[in-house]
Amino acid sequence: MKIIRNSVVTLKYEIMDGEGNAFERAREPLVYLHGSHGGMFPLVERELEGKGVNDKVRVRLRAEDAFGPRDPTLVRREPRAKFPGKIKVGMQFEGEMTHGDHAHPVVFRVTQLAEHEVTLDANHPLAGQEIEFRGTVMDVRPASPEELAHGHAHGPGGHHH
C-alpha cells in the first residue's frame, strides 16, 4: 500500500539539528494518521505522499516549518532558592504559562545556572533552528473508522490515549 490521506503510517525516524548532529533518534517507530491531522510536519507529509514500505525521505525544514521561532516570553529567570536539592542544566520541570485568561501546562528546561538564579526555557530545544527529518517507512495501512473519527492513529488492539 502507498501512503495516501487517511492511511496510518509507521516510520523509523531521526531529527538532525542545523549542524547535522542527531538530536533525536526514535527508539520506537512513530505511528501517525497521514493527511493533515496534526501528527506530522506538513512538509514531511507532502514528501511521504505516495511512498511505500522501505521508502526513505530526507526533508530540510526551516524553523517556521518545524518547531517554530524561539519565543522569548517562554524564558523565565527564577530565584535559585525556589528549587530544592541539586539542579543541573538540562533538568526539566513542569510549570504553567498564562496567556490571556487561561493557563496551560508547559515543560521548562534548565538552560543556565547562576549563583542566585536559574534560567528556565519552555521553547522546544530546536525552536528557531533549521532541522532535517530523516525517515524510513516501516508500514502503511488503512485507518480504521475509529481512528478517522478521533483524528489520530491508535495502537495495536484499538484505542490508546
N, C-alpha and C. Protein backbone atom coordinates (compact mmCIF):
# COMPACT_ATOMS: atom_id res chain seq x y z
N MET A 1 0.84 -1.18 0.00
CA MET A 1 0.00 0.00 0.00
C MET A 1 0.89 1.25 0.00
N LYS A 2 0.47 2.26 -0.70
CA LYS A 2 1.16 3.54 -0.74
C LYS A 2 0.51 4.50 0.26
N ILE A 3 1.28 5.46 0.73
CA ILE A 3 0.78 6.45 1.69
C ILE A 3 -0.15 7.41 0.96
N ILE A 4 -1.38 7.47 1.46
CA ILE A 4 -2.38 8.41 0.98
C ILE A 4 -3.08 9.02 2.18
N ARG A 5 -3.91 10.03 1.92
CA ARG A 5 -4.67 10.66 3.01
C ARG A 5 -5.45 9.58 3.76
N ASN A 6 -5.45 9.69 5.07
CA ASN A 6 -6.18 8.80 5.98
C ASN A 6 -5.61 7.39 6.02
N SER A 7 -4.32 7.27 5.73
CA SER A 7 -3.65 5.99 5.99
C SER A 7 -2.84 6.16 7.27
N VAL A 8 -2.60 5.04 7.95
CA VAL A 8 -1.79 5.06 9.16
C VAL A 8 -0.39 4.64 8.76
N VAL A 9 0.58 5.50 9.09
CA VAL A 9 1.96 5.32 8.67
C VAL A 9 2.83 5.05 9.89
N THR A 10 3.69 4.06 9.77
CA THR A 10 4.67 3.76 10.81
C THR A 10 6.04 4.11 10.25
N LEU A 11 6.76 4.98 10.95
CA LEU A 11 8.06 5.48 10.50
C LEU A 11 9.14 5.24 11.52
N LYS A 12 10.30 4.84 11.06
CA LYS A 12 11.52 4.93 11.86
C LYS A 12 12.12 6.27 11.45
N TYR A 13 12.53 7.09 12.40
CA TYR A 13 12.99 8.43 12.02
C TYR A 13 14.10 8.92 12.93
N GLU A 14 14.75 9.97 12.43
CA GLU A 14 15.67 10.75 13.25
C GLU A 14 15.55 12.20 12.83
N ILE A 15 15.85 13.07 13.77
CA ILE A 15 15.83 14.51 13.53
C ILE A 15 17.23 15.04 13.77
N MET A 16 17.76 15.74 12.76
CA MET A 16 19.09 16.32 12.83
C MET A 16 18.96 17.82 13.08
N ASP A 17 19.84 18.37 13.91
CA ASP A 17 19.82 19.81 14.14
C ASP A 17 20.46 20.53 12.95
N GLY A 18 20.54 21.85 13.03
CA GLY A 18 21.06 22.66 11.94
C GLY A 18 22.49 22.36 11.55
N GLU A 19 23.27 21.76 12.45
CA GLU A 19 24.67 21.40 12.15
C GLU A 19 24.80 19.96 11.69
N GLY A 20 23.68 19.25 11.56
CA GLY A 20 23.73 17.86 11.11
C GLY A 20 23.96 16.85 12.21
N ASN A 21 23.87 17.28 13.46
CA ASN A 21 24.01 16.36 14.59
C ASN A 21 22.66 15.73 14.91
N ALA A 22 22.67 14.45 15.24
CA ALA A 22 21.43 13.76 15.59
C ALA A 22 20.89 14.34 16.89
N PHE A 23 19.71 14.93 16.83
CA PHE A 23 19.06 15.46 18.02
C PHE A 23 18.17 14.40 18.64
N GLU A 24 17.46 13.66 17.78
CA GLU A 24 16.54 12.65 18.27
C GLU A 24 16.55 11.47 17.32
N ARG A 25 16.74 10.30 17.88
CA ARG A 25 16.61 9.04 17.14
C ARG A 25 15.53 8.24 17.86
N ALA A 26 14.47 7.94 17.15
CA ALA A 26 13.35 7.25 17.78
C ALA A 26 13.73 5.83 18.16
N ARG A 27 13.50 5.50 19.41
CA ARG A 27 13.70 4.11 19.86
C ARG A 27 12.55 3.25 19.35
N GLU A 28 11.38 3.81 19.40
CA GLU A 28 10.18 3.14 18.89
C GLU A 28 9.73 3.88 17.65
N PRO A 29 9.19 3.17 16.66
CA PRO A 29 8.70 3.85 15.47
C PRO A 29 7.56 4.82 15.81
N LEU A 30 7.43 5.84 15.01
CA LEU A 30 6.35 6.82 15.11
C LEU A 30 5.19 6.31 14.28
N VAL A 31 4.00 6.31 14.84
CA VAL A 31 2.80 5.90 14.12
C VAL A 31 1.87 7.11 14.09
N TYR A 32 1.46 7.53 12.90
CA TYR A 32 0.60 8.70 12.79
C TYR A 32 -0.43 8.52 11.69
N LEU A 33 -1.50 9.31 11.76
CA LEU A 33 -2.55 9.33 10.76
C LEU A 33 -2.19 10.37 9.72
N HIS A 34 -1.97 9.93 8.49
CA HIS A 34 -1.50 10.79 7.41
C HIS A 34 -2.65 11.62 6.84
N GLY A 35 -2.36 12.88 6.54
CA GLY A 35 -3.34 13.72 5.87
C GLY A 35 -3.77 14.93 6.64
N SER A 36 -2.82 15.70 7.14
CA SER A 36 -3.10 16.98 7.81
C SER A 36 -3.94 16.83 9.07
N HIS A 37 -3.65 15.79 9.85
CA HIS A 37 -4.34 15.60 11.12
C HIS A 37 -3.50 16.12 12.29
N GLY A 38 -2.34 16.70 12.01
CA GLY A 38 -1.51 17.29 13.05
C GLY A 38 -0.49 16.37 13.68
N GLY A 39 -0.32 15.17 13.17
CA GLY A 39 0.63 14.24 13.75
C GLY A 39 2.01 14.28 13.13
N MET A 40 2.18 15.09 12.09
CA MET A 40 3.46 15.13 11.37
C MET A 40 3.64 16.52 10.77
N PHE A 41 4.90 16.93 10.61
CA PHE A 41 5.19 18.20 9.94
C PHE A 41 4.56 18.17 8.54
N PRO A 42 3.81 19.20 8.14
CA PRO A 42 3.16 19.20 6.83
C PRO A 42 4.11 18.96 5.66
N LEU A 43 5.31 19.55 5.68
CA LEU A 43 6.24 19.35 4.56
C LEU A 43 6.76 17.91 4.50
N VAL A 44 6.88 17.26 5.65
CA VAL A 44 7.29 15.85 5.66
C VAL A 44 6.14 15.00 5.11
N GLU A 45 4.91 15.31 5.50
CA GLU A 45 3.76 14.59 4.95
C GLU A 45 3.74 14.68 3.43
N ARG A 46 4.00 15.86 2.91
CA ARG A 46 3.99 16.04 1.46
C ARG A 46 5.03 15.14 0.80
N GLU A 47 6.22 15.02 1.40
CA GLU A 47 7.27 14.16 0.85
C GLU A 47 6.93 12.68 0.98
N LEU A 48 6.17 12.32 2.01
CA LEU A 48 5.81 10.92 2.23
C LEU A 48 4.67 10.46 1.33
N GLU A 49 3.87 11.38 0.85
CA GLU A 49 2.72 11.04 -0.01
C GLU A 49 3.17 10.15 -1.16
N GLY A 50 2.50 9.00 -1.31
CA GLY A 50 2.79 8.08 -2.39
C GLY A 50 3.92 7.10 -2.13
N LYS A 51 4.59 7.24 -0.99
CA LYS A 51 5.69 6.32 -0.65
C LYS A 51 5.12 5.02 -0.09
N GLY A 52 5.97 3.98 -0.08
CA GLY A 52 5.57 2.68 0.45
C GLY A 52 6.61 2.17 1.43
N VAL A 53 6.38 0.94 1.90
CA VAL A 53 7.27 0.31 2.88
C VAL A 53 8.71 0.28 2.35
N ASN A 54 9.63 0.64 3.22
CA ASN A 54 11.08 0.72 2.97
C ASN A 54 11.52 1.97 2.21
N ASP A 55 10.58 2.80 1.74
CA ASP A 55 10.97 4.06 1.11
C ASP A 55 11.51 5.01 2.18
N LYS A 56 12.44 5.87 1.76
CA LYS A 56 13.09 6.80 2.67
C LYS A 56 12.80 8.24 2.24
N VAL A 57 12.80 9.15 3.22
CA VAL A 57 12.68 10.58 2.95
C VAL A 57 13.71 11.33 3.77
N ARG A 58 14.19 12.42 3.21
CA ARG A 58 15.05 13.39 3.91
C ARG A 58 14.49 14.75 3.56
N VAL A 59 14.06 15.49 4.59
CA VAL A 59 13.42 16.77 4.37
C VAL A 59 14.06 17.82 5.26
N ARG A 60 14.57 18.90 4.65
CA ARG A 60 15.09 20.04 5.42
C ARG A 60 13.93 20.97 5.71
N LEU A 61 13.81 21.35 6.97
CA LEU A 61 12.72 22.22 7.39
C LEU A 61 13.26 23.49 8.01
N ARG A 62 12.75 24.61 7.55
CA ARG A 62 13.08 25.88 8.20
C ARG A 62 12.42 25.90 9.57
N ALA A 63 12.89 26.75 10.44
CA ALA A 63 12.33 26.84 11.80
C ALA A 63 10.81 27.00 11.76
N GLU A 64 10.31 27.82 10.86
CA GLU A 64 8.87 28.08 10.78
C GLU A 64 8.08 26.83 10.41
N ASP A 65 8.72 25.90 9.70
CA ASP A 65 8.06 24.67 9.26
C ASP A 65 8.30 23.51 10.22
N ALA A 66 9.12 23.74 11.24
CA ALA A 66 9.48 22.67 12.17
C ALA A 66 8.93 23.02 13.56
N PHE A 67 9.79 23.48 14.46
CA PHE A 67 9.39 23.75 15.84
C PHE A 67 9.12 25.23 16.10
N GLY A 68 9.11 26.03 15.04
CA GLY A 68 8.76 27.44 15.15
C GLY A 68 9.92 28.30 15.62
N PRO A 69 9.70 29.60 15.62
CA PRO A 69 10.74 30.52 16.09
C PRO A 69 10.85 30.47 17.62
N ARG A 70 11.99 30.90 18.14
CA ARG A 70 12.14 31.00 19.59
C ARG A 70 11.23 32.10 20.10
N ASP A 71 10.58 31.85 21.20
CA ASP A 71 9.68 32.83 21.81
C ASP A 71 10.30 33.29 23.13
N PRO A 72 10.79 34.52 23.17
CA PRO A 72 11.44 34.99 24.41
C PRO A 72 10.50 35.05 25.61
N THR A 73 9.20 35.07 25.39
CA THR A 73 8.27 35.09 26.52
C THR A 73 8.20 33.74 27.23
N LEU A 74 8.80 32.69 26.63
CA LEU A 74 8.81 31.37 27.24
C LEU A 74 10.06 31.13 28.10
N VAL A 75 10.85 32.18 28.29
CA VAL A 75 12.06 32.09 29.11
C VAL A 75 11.80 32.82 30.42
N ARG A 76 12.14 32.15 31.53
CA ARG A 76 11.95 32.75 32.86
C ARG A 76 13.25 32.66 33.64
N ARG A 77 13.43 33.64 34.51
CA ARG A 77 14.54 33.60 35.48
C ARG A 77 13.90 33.56 36.85
N GLU A 78 14.30 32.56 37.62
CA GLU A 78 13.70 32.35 38.94
C GLU A 78 14.81 32.30 39.98
N PRO A 79 14.49 32.70 41.23
CA PRO A 79 15.47 32.57 42.30
C PRO A 79 15.86 31.11 42.51
N ARG A 80 17.14 30.88 42.68
CA ARG A 80 17.62 29.50 42.87
C ARG A 80 17.03 28.87 44.13
N ALA A 81 16.71 29.68 45.10
CA ALA A 81 16.16 29.18 46.36
C ALA A 81 14.81 28.48 46.16
N LYS A 82 14.11 28.72 45.04
CA LYS A 82 12.83 28.07 44.77
C LYS A 82 12.98 26.60 44.40
N PHE A 83 14.22 26.18 44.12
CA PHE A 83 14.46 24.82 43.64
C PHE A 83 15.13 23.99 44.71
N PRO A 84 14.48 22.89 45.09
CA PRO A 84 15.05 22.04 46.14
C PRO A 84 16.20 21.19 45.59
N GLY A 85 17.16 20.91 46.43
CA GLY A 85 18.24 19.99 46.08
C GLY A 85 19.14 20.49 44.96
N LYS A 86 19.86 19.53 44.39
CA LYS A 86 20.80 19.85 43.32
C LYS A 86 20.05 19.97 42.00
N ILE A 87 20.32 21.03 41.30
CA ILE A 87 19.76 21.17 39.96
C ILE A 87 20.90 21.31 38.97
N LYS A 88 20.63 20.85 37.75
CA LYS A 88 21.65 20.87 36.70
C LYS A 88 21.04 21.40 35.41
N VAL A 89 21.88 21.95 34.56
CA VAL A 89 21.45 22.34 33.22
C VAL A 89 20.94 21.10 32.52
N GLY A 90 19.78 21.24 31.87
CA GLY A 90 19.17 20.12 31.17
C GLY A 90 18.01 19.49 31.92
N MET A 91 17.95 19.71 33.25
CA MET A 91 16.82 19.16 34.02
C MET A 91 15.53 19.81 33.52
N GLN A 92 14.42 19.10 33.74
CA GLN A 92 13.12 19.60 33.30
C GLN A 92 12.17 19.68 34.47
N PHE A 93 11.30 20.70 34.41
CA PHE A 93 10.29 20.92 35.44
C PHE A 93 8.98 21.28 34.76
N GLU A 94 7.88 20.78 35.30
CA GLU A 94 6.57 21.16 34.80
C GLU A 94 6.17 22.47 35.43
N GLY A 95 5.50 23.28 34.64
CA GLY A 95 5.01 24.57 35.12
C GLY A 95 3.81 25.00 34.32
N GLU A 96 3.42 26.26 34.47
CA GLU A 96 2.29 26.81 33.73
C GLU A 96 2.70 28.12 33.08
N MET A 97 2.11 28.37 31.93
CA MET A 97 2.23 29.66 31.27
C MET A 97 0.82 30.21 31.13
N THR A 98 0.65 31.48 31.39
CA THR A 98 -0.66 32.11 31.28
C THR A 98 -0.69 32.96 30.02
N HIS A 99 -1.72 32.72 29.22
CA HIS A 99 -1.97 33.54 28.03
C HIS A 99 -3.40 34.04 28.13
N GLY A 100 -3.55 35.34 28.31
CA GLY A 100 -4.88 35.91 28.49
C GLY A 100 -5.48 35.42 29.79
N ASP A 101 -6.66 34.81 29.68
CA ASP A 101 -7.39 34.36 30.86
C ASP A 101 -7.15 32.90 31.23
N HIS A 102 -6.33 32.19 30.46
CA HIS A 102 -6.17 30.77 30.78
C HIS A 102 -4.69 30.38 30.87
N ALA A 103 -4.47 29.40 31.71
CA ALA A 103 -3.11 28.87 31.90
C ALA A 103 -3.05 27.49 31.27
N HIS A 104 -1.88 27.14 30.77
CA HIS A 104 -1.71 25.78 30.24
C HIS A 104 -0.37 25.24 30.70
N PRO A 105 -0.29 23.91 30.85
CA PRO A 105 0.95 23.31 31.34
C PRO A 105 2.05 23.35 30.29
N VAL A 106 3.27 23.55 30.74
CA VAL A 106 4.45 23.53 29.87
C VAL A 106 5.58 22.83 30.61
N VAL A 107 6.56 22.41 29.84
CA VAL A 107 7.76 21.81 30.42
C VAL A 107 8.89 22.81 30.25
N PHE A 108 9.51 23.19 31.34
CA PHE A 108 10.66 24.10 31.32
C PHE A 108 11.94 23.29 31.43
N ARG A 109 12.94 23.64 30.65
CA ARG A 109 14.28 23.07 30.77
C ARG A 109 15.17 24.09 31.46
N VAL A 110 16.04 23.62 32.32
CA VAL A 110 17.04 24.50 32.93
C VAL A 110 18.12 24.73 31.87
N THR A 111 18.33 26.00 31.51
CA THR A 111 19.32 26.30 30.46
C THR A 111 20.55 27.00 31.01
N GLN A 112 20.43 27.65 32.17
CA GLN A 112 21.58 28.32 32.79
C GLN A 112 21.41 28.32 34.30
N LEU A 113 22.55 28.24 34.98
CA LEU A 113 22.57 28.34 36.43
C LEU A 113 23.54 29.43 36.83
N ALA A 114 23.07 30.30 37.71
CA ALA A 114 23.94 31.30 38.31
C ALA A 114 23.87 31.09 39.82
N GLU A 115 24.67 31.83 40.54
CA GLU A 115 24.72 31.62 41.98
C GLU A 115 23.36 31.74 42.65
N HIS A 116 22.57 32.75 42.22
CA HIS A 116 21.28 33.01 42.86
C HIS A 116 20.09 32.91 41.90
N GLU A 117 20.34 32.45 40.67
CA GLU A 117 19.28 32.48 39.68
C GLU A 117 19.33 31.25 38.77
N VAL A 118 18.15 30.80 38.36
CA VAL A 118 18.01 29.69 37.43
C VAL A 118 17.26 30.21 36.20
N THR A 119 17.79 29.92 35.01
CA THR A 119 17.09 30.29 33.78
C THR A 119 16.37 29.06 33.25
N LEU A 120 15.07 29.23 33.03
CA LEU A 120 14.20 28.17 32.55
C LEU A 120 13.67 28.55 31.17
N ASP A 121 13.56 27.56 30.28
CA ASP A 121 13.12 27.82 28.91
C ASP A 121 12.09 26.78 28.52
N ALA A 122 10.89 27.24 28.12
CA ALA A 122 9.83 26.34 27.68
C ALA A 122 9.79 26.20 26.16
N ASN A 123 10.71 26.85 25.44
CA ASN A 123 10.79 26.64 24.00
C ASN A 123 11.27 25.22 23.72
N HIS A 124 10.85 24.66 22.60
CA HIS A 124 11.41 23.38 22.18
C HIS A 124 12.90 23.60 21.98
N PRO A 125 13.75 22.64 22.32
CA PRO A 125 15.20 22.84 22.16
C PRO A 125 15.62 23.18 20.73
N LEU A 126 14.83 22.81 19.72
CA LEU A 126 15.17 23.13 18.33
C LEU A 126 14.37 24.31 17.78
N ALA A 127 13.66 25.03 18.65
CA ALA A 127 12.94 26.22 18.20
C ALA A 127 13.95 27.22 17.63
N GLY A 128 13.60 27.81 16.51
CA GLY A 128 14.47 28.80 15.88
C GLY A 128 15.54 28.20 15.00
N GLN A 129 15.57 26.87 14.87
CA GLN A 129 16.61 26.21 14.07
C GLN A 129 16.03 25.49 12.87
N GLU A 130 16.82 25.46 11.81
CA GLU A 130 16.51 24.59 10.68
C GLU A 130 16.86 23.17 11.11
N ILE A 131 16.05 22.20 10.68
CA ILE A 131 16.32 20.81 11.01
C ILE A 131 16.25 19.96 9.75
N GLU A 132 16.71 18.74 9.87
CA GLU A 132 16.50 17.76 8.80
C GLU A 132 15.79 16.56 9.41
N PHE A 133 14.69 16.16 8.78
CA PHE A 133 13.93 14.99 9.19
C PHE A 133 14.30 13.86 8.25
N ARG A 134 14.73 12.73 8.80
CA ARG A 134 15.06 11.55 8.00
C ARG A 134 14.15 10.42 8.47
N GLY A 135 13.50 9.78 7.52
CA GLY A 135 12.59 8.72 7.91
C GLY A 135 12.58 7.57 6.93
N THR A 136 12.24 6.40 7.43
CA THR A 136 12.05 5.19 6.62
C THR A 136 10.67 4.65 6.93
N VAL A 137 9.88 4.40 5.89
CA VAL A 137 8.53 3.87 6.06
C VAL A 137 8.63 2.41 6.46
N MET A 138 8.05 2.07 7.60
CA MET A 138 8.05 0.69 8.10
C MET A 138 6.74 -0.03 7.77
N ASP A 139 5.63 0.72 7.76
CA ASP A 139 4.33 0.11 7.49
C ASP A 139 3.35 1.19 7.05
N VAL A 140 2.39 0.77 6.23
CA VAL A 140 1.29 1.65 5.81
C VAL A 140 0.04 0.77 5.81
N ARG A 141 -1.04 1.30 6.40
CA ARG A 141 -2.30 0.57 6.41
C ARG A 141 -3.45 1.56 6.38
N PRO A 142 -4.63 1.10 5.96
CA PRO A 142 -5.79 2.00 6.01
C PRO A 142 -6.15 2.31 7.47
N ALA A 143 -6.61 3.52 7.71
CA ALA A 143 -7.06 3.90 9.05
C ALA A 143 -8.42 3.26 9.32
N SER A 144 -8.66 2.94 10.57
CA SER A 144 -9.96 2.40 10.97
C SER A 144 -10.96 3.55 11.08
N PRO A 145 -12.25 3.25 11.04
CA PRO A 145 -13.25 4.30 11.24
C PRO A 145 -13.07 5.03 12.58
N GLU A 146 -12.69 4.29 13.63
CA GLU A 146 -12.47 4.91 14.94
C GLU A 146 -11.30 5.90 14.88
N GLU A 147 -10.20 5.52 14.21
CA GLU A 147 -9.05 6.42 14.08
C GLU A 147 -9.43 7.68 13.31
N LEU A 148 -10.19 7.52 12.24
CA LEU A 148 -10.63 8.67 11.45
C LEU A 148 -11.53 9.59 12.29
N ALA A 149 -12.42 8.99 13.08
CA ALA A 149 -13.31 9.79 13.93
C ALA A 149 -12.53 10.56 14.98
N HIS A 150 -11.46 9.95 15.51
CA HIS A 150 -10.67 10.60 16.56
C HIS A 150 -9.57 11.49 16.01
N GLY A 151 -9.20 11.33 14.74
CA GLY A 151 -8.20 12.18 14.11
C GLY A 151 -6.76 11.81 14.43
N HIS A 152 -6.54 10.55 14.89
CA HIS A 152 -5.19 10.08 15.17
C HIS A 152 -5.14 8.56 15.13
N ALA A 153 -3.92 8.04 14.98
CA ALA A 153 -3.73 6.59 14.94
C ALA A 153 -3.87 6.01 16.33
N HIS A 154 -4.33 4.76 16.40
CA HIS A 154 -4.41 4.03 17.65
C HIS A 154 -3.40 2.91 17.63
N GLY A 155 -3.03 2.45 18.79
CA GLY A 155 -2.06 1.38 18.90
C GLY A 155 -2.66 0.04 18.54
N PRO A 156 -1.83 -1.00 18.54
CA PRO A 156 -2.33 -2.34 18.26
C PRO A 156 -3.46 -2.72 19.22
N GLY A 157 -4.53 -3.24 18.67
CA GLY A 157 -5.63 -3.66 19.52
C GLY A 157 -6.64 -2.58 19.82
N GLY A 158 -6.46 -1.38 19.30
CA GLY A 158 -7.50 -0.38 19.48
C GLY A 158 -7.03 0.92 20.08
N HIS A 159 -7.93 1.52 20.85
CA HIS A 159 -7.78 2.90 21.33
C HIS A 159 -6.83 2.99 22.52
N HIS A 160 -5.77 3.80 22.38
CA HIS A 160 -4.81 4.01 23.47
C HIS A 160 -4.53 5.48 23.61
N HIS A 161 -5.08 6.13 24.63
CA HIS A 161 -4.81 7.56 24.87
C HIS A 161 -3.98 7.68 26.10
